[in-house]
N, C-alpha and C. Protein backbone atom coordinates (compact mmCIF):
# COMPACT_ATOMS: atom_id res chain seq x y z
N UNK A 1 44.52 -152.72 57.35
CA UNK A 1 44.31 -154.44 56.75
C UNK A 1 43.92 -155.21 58.06
N UNK A 2 42.66 -156.17 57.31
CA UNK A 2 41.53 -157.19 58.69
C UNK A 2 42.65 -158.44 58.67
N UNK A 3 42.68 -158.90 59.90
CA UNK A 3 43.32 -160.38 59.55
C UNK A 3 42.04 -161.75 60.74
N UNK A 4 42.04 -162.66 59.95
CA UNK A 4 41.43 -163.19 60.84
C UNK A 4 42.18 -164.30 61.80
N UNK A 5 41.42 -164.26 63.22
CA UNK A 5 42.10 -164.90 64.43
C UNK A 5 41.28 -166.29 64.80
N UNK A 6 41.73 -167.40 64.29
CA UNK A 6 41.28 -168.82 65.06
C UNK A 6 41.42 -168.80 66.41
N UNK A 7 40.25 -168.95 67.38
CA UNK A 7 40.48 -169.03 69.07
C UNK A 7 40.66 -170.46 68.86
N UNK A 8 41.28 -170.99 70.48
CA UNK A 8 40.92 -172.60 70.72
C UNK A 8 40.04 -173.27 70.43
N UNK A 9 38.59 -172.26 70.76
CA UNK A 9 37.25 -172.85 70.43
C UNK A 9 36.77 -173.44 68.97
N UNK A 10 37.77 -172.98 67.85
CA UNK A 10 37.24 -172.87 66.65
C UNK A 10 36.46 -171.64 65.97
N UNK A 11 36.02 -170.87 66.85
CA UNK A 11 35.59 -169.26 66.65
C UNK A 11 36.70 -168.34 65.97
N UNK A 12 36.21 -167.51 65.00
CA UNK A 12 36.87 -166.87 64.23
C UNK A 12 36.68 -165.32 64.21
N UNK A 13 37.36 -164.70 64.96
CA UNK A 13 37.33 -163.06 64.94
C UNK A 13 37.99 -162.60 64.23
N UNK A 14 37.67 -161.18 63.51
CA UNK A 14 38.51 -160.22 62.88
C UNK A 14 38.90 -159.12 63.31
N UNK A 15 40.28 -158.87 63.58
CA UNK A 15 40.68 -157.40 64.18
C UNK A 15 41.97 -156.86 62.93
N UNK A 16 42.08 -155.56 63.67
CA UNK A 16 42.85 -154.88 62.37
C UNK A 16 44.49 -155.37 62.63
N UNK A 17 45.35 -155.26 61.38
CA UNK A 17 46.50 -156.28 61.34
C UNK A 17 47.39 -155.33 62.78
N UNK A 18 48.36 -155.62 63.37
CA UNK A 18 48.94 -155.43 64.40
C UNK A 18 48.28 -155.46 65.56
N UNK A 19 47.22 -155.90 66.15
CA UNK A 19 46.73 -155.97 67.20
C UNK A 19 47.40 -156.95 68.23
N UNK A 20 47.55 -156.92 68.99
CA UNK A 20 48.33 -157.61 70.27
C UNK A 20 47.69 -158.54 70.70
N UNK A 21 48.22 -159.28 71.05
CA UNK A 21 47.61 -160.89 71.71
C UNK A 21 46.79 -160.09 73.16
N UNK A 22 47.51 -159.17 73.64
CA UNK A 22 46.56 -158.78 74.78
C UNK A 22 45.32 -158.12 74.47
N UNK A 23 45.58 -157.46 73.50
CA UNK A 23 44.30 -156.73 73.19
C UNK A 23 43.07 -157.61 72.62
N UNK A 24 43.38 -158.77 72.00
CA UNK A 24 42.66 -159.87 71.74
C UNK A 24 41.64 -160.59 72.43
N UNK A 25 42.96 -160.80 74.09
CA UNK A 25 42.43 -160.87 74.92
C UNK A 25 41.12 -160.17 75.34
N UNK A 26 41.58 -159.31 75.45
CA UNK A 26 40.94 -158.34 76.48
C UNK A 26 39.73 -157.56 75.82
N UNK A 27 39.13 -158.09 74.70
CA UNK A 27 38.09 -158.30 74.00
C UNK A 27 37.19 -159.55 74.08
N UNK A 28 37.61 -160.40 73.71
CA UNK A 28 36.94 -161.78 74.77
C UNK A 28 36.33 -161.52 75.92
N UNK A 29 37.15 -161.06 77.14
CA UNK A 29 37.07 -160.99 78.30
C UNK A 29 37.82 -160.19 79.35
N UNK A 30 37.69 -159.10 80.15
CA UNK A 30 38.81 -158.64 81.19
C UNK A 30 39.63 -159.42 82.03
N UNK A 31 38.82 -160.26 82.21
CA UNK A 31 39.01 -161.68 83.45
C UNK A 31 40.49 -162.21 82.44
N UNK A 32 40.10 -162.63 81.24
CA UNK A 32 40.95 -163.45 80.14
C UNK A 32 42.37 -162.60 80.44
N UNK A 33 42.12 -161.31 80.36
CA UNK A 33 43.41 -160.45 80.11
C UNK A 33 43.67 -159.99 81.35
N UNK A 34 43.45 -159.82 82.25
CA UNK A 34 44.13 -160.07 83.40
C UNK A 34 44.79 -161.25 83.80
N UNK A 35 44.26 -162.48 83.05
CA UNK A 35 44.97 -163.87 83.98
C UNK A 35 45.96 -164.06 82.49
N UNK A 36 45.66 -163.87 81.25
CA UNK A 36 47.01 -164.53 80.45
C UNK A 36 47.89 -163.78 80.25
N UNK A 37 48.74 -165.05 80.11
CA UNK A 37 50.71 -164.80 80.60
C UNK A 37 51.25 -164.90 79.18
N UNK A 38 50.78 -165.20 77.91
CA UNK A 38 51.42 -165.60 76.36
C UNK A 38 50.48 -166.06 75.74
N UNK A 39 50.65 -166.16 74.54
CA UNK A 39 49.25 -166.42 73.24
C UNK A 39 50.53 -167.26 72.49
N UNK A 40 49.83 -168.45 71.93
CA UNK A 40 50.46 -168.81 70.44
C UNK A 40 49.78 -168.34 69.79
N UNK A 41 50.77 -168.41 68.72
CA UNK A 41 50.56 -167.59 67.30
C UNK A 41 51.06 -168.19 66.03
N UNK A 42 50.12 -169.07 65.56
CA UNK A 42 50.90 -170.19 64.32
C UNK A 42 51.97 -170.90 65.10
N UNK A 43 51.21 -171.58 66.28
CA UNK A 43 52.60 -172.47 67.24
C UNK A 43 53.36 -172.45 67.55
N UNK A 44 53.48 -170.90 67.73
CA UNK A 44 54.83 -170.13 68.29
C UNK A 44 54.30 -169.57 69.68
N UNK A 45 55.14 -169.39 70.66
CA UNK A 45 54.60 -169.05 71.82
C UNK A 45 55.19 -167.77 71.50
N UNK A 46 54.00 -166.39 72.21
CA UNK A 46 54.64 -165.27 72.02
C UNK A 46 54.42 -164.18 73.45
N UNK A 47 55.09 -163.26 73.17
CA UNK A 47 54.69 -162.17 74.32
C UNK A 47 53.61 -161.47 74.08
N UNK A 48 52.71 -161.03 74.79
CA UNK A 48 51.61 -160.47 74.74
C UNK A 48 51.54 -159.25 74.03
N UNK A 49 52.61 -158.38 74.47
CA UNK A 49 52.67 -157.63 73.47
C UNK A 49 53.07 -157.13 72.04
N UNK A 50 53.61 -158.40 71.67
CA UNK A 50 53.75 -158.44 70.31
C UNK A 50 52.85 -158.31 69.29
N UNK A 51 52.77 -157.29 68.23
CA UNK A 51 51.93 -157.43 67.47
C UNK A 51 51.33 -158.83 66.64
N UNK A 52 50.18 -158.95 66.09
CA UNK A 52 49.82 -160.04 65.45
C UNK A 52 49.85 -159.51 63.99
N UNK A 53 50.53 -159.84 62.90
CA UNK A 53 50.48 -159.79 61.97
C UNK A 53 50.12 -160.26 60.81
C-alpha cells in the first residue's frame, strides 16, 4: 500500500507503507539523511527508524 507524505515545503511524495523517516530523508538527499535527527509525523516528533504507517 502506498502512502502520501507531505513535506514541509508543501510537496507531496508517495512511499510504500512502513517507510522510515530516514528513508524519506535519504530519498530527498544524502546530505539531508546525514544531518536529520528526528521527524515530525502528524505533529508527533519521532525517531528516524520508526516506520511511518
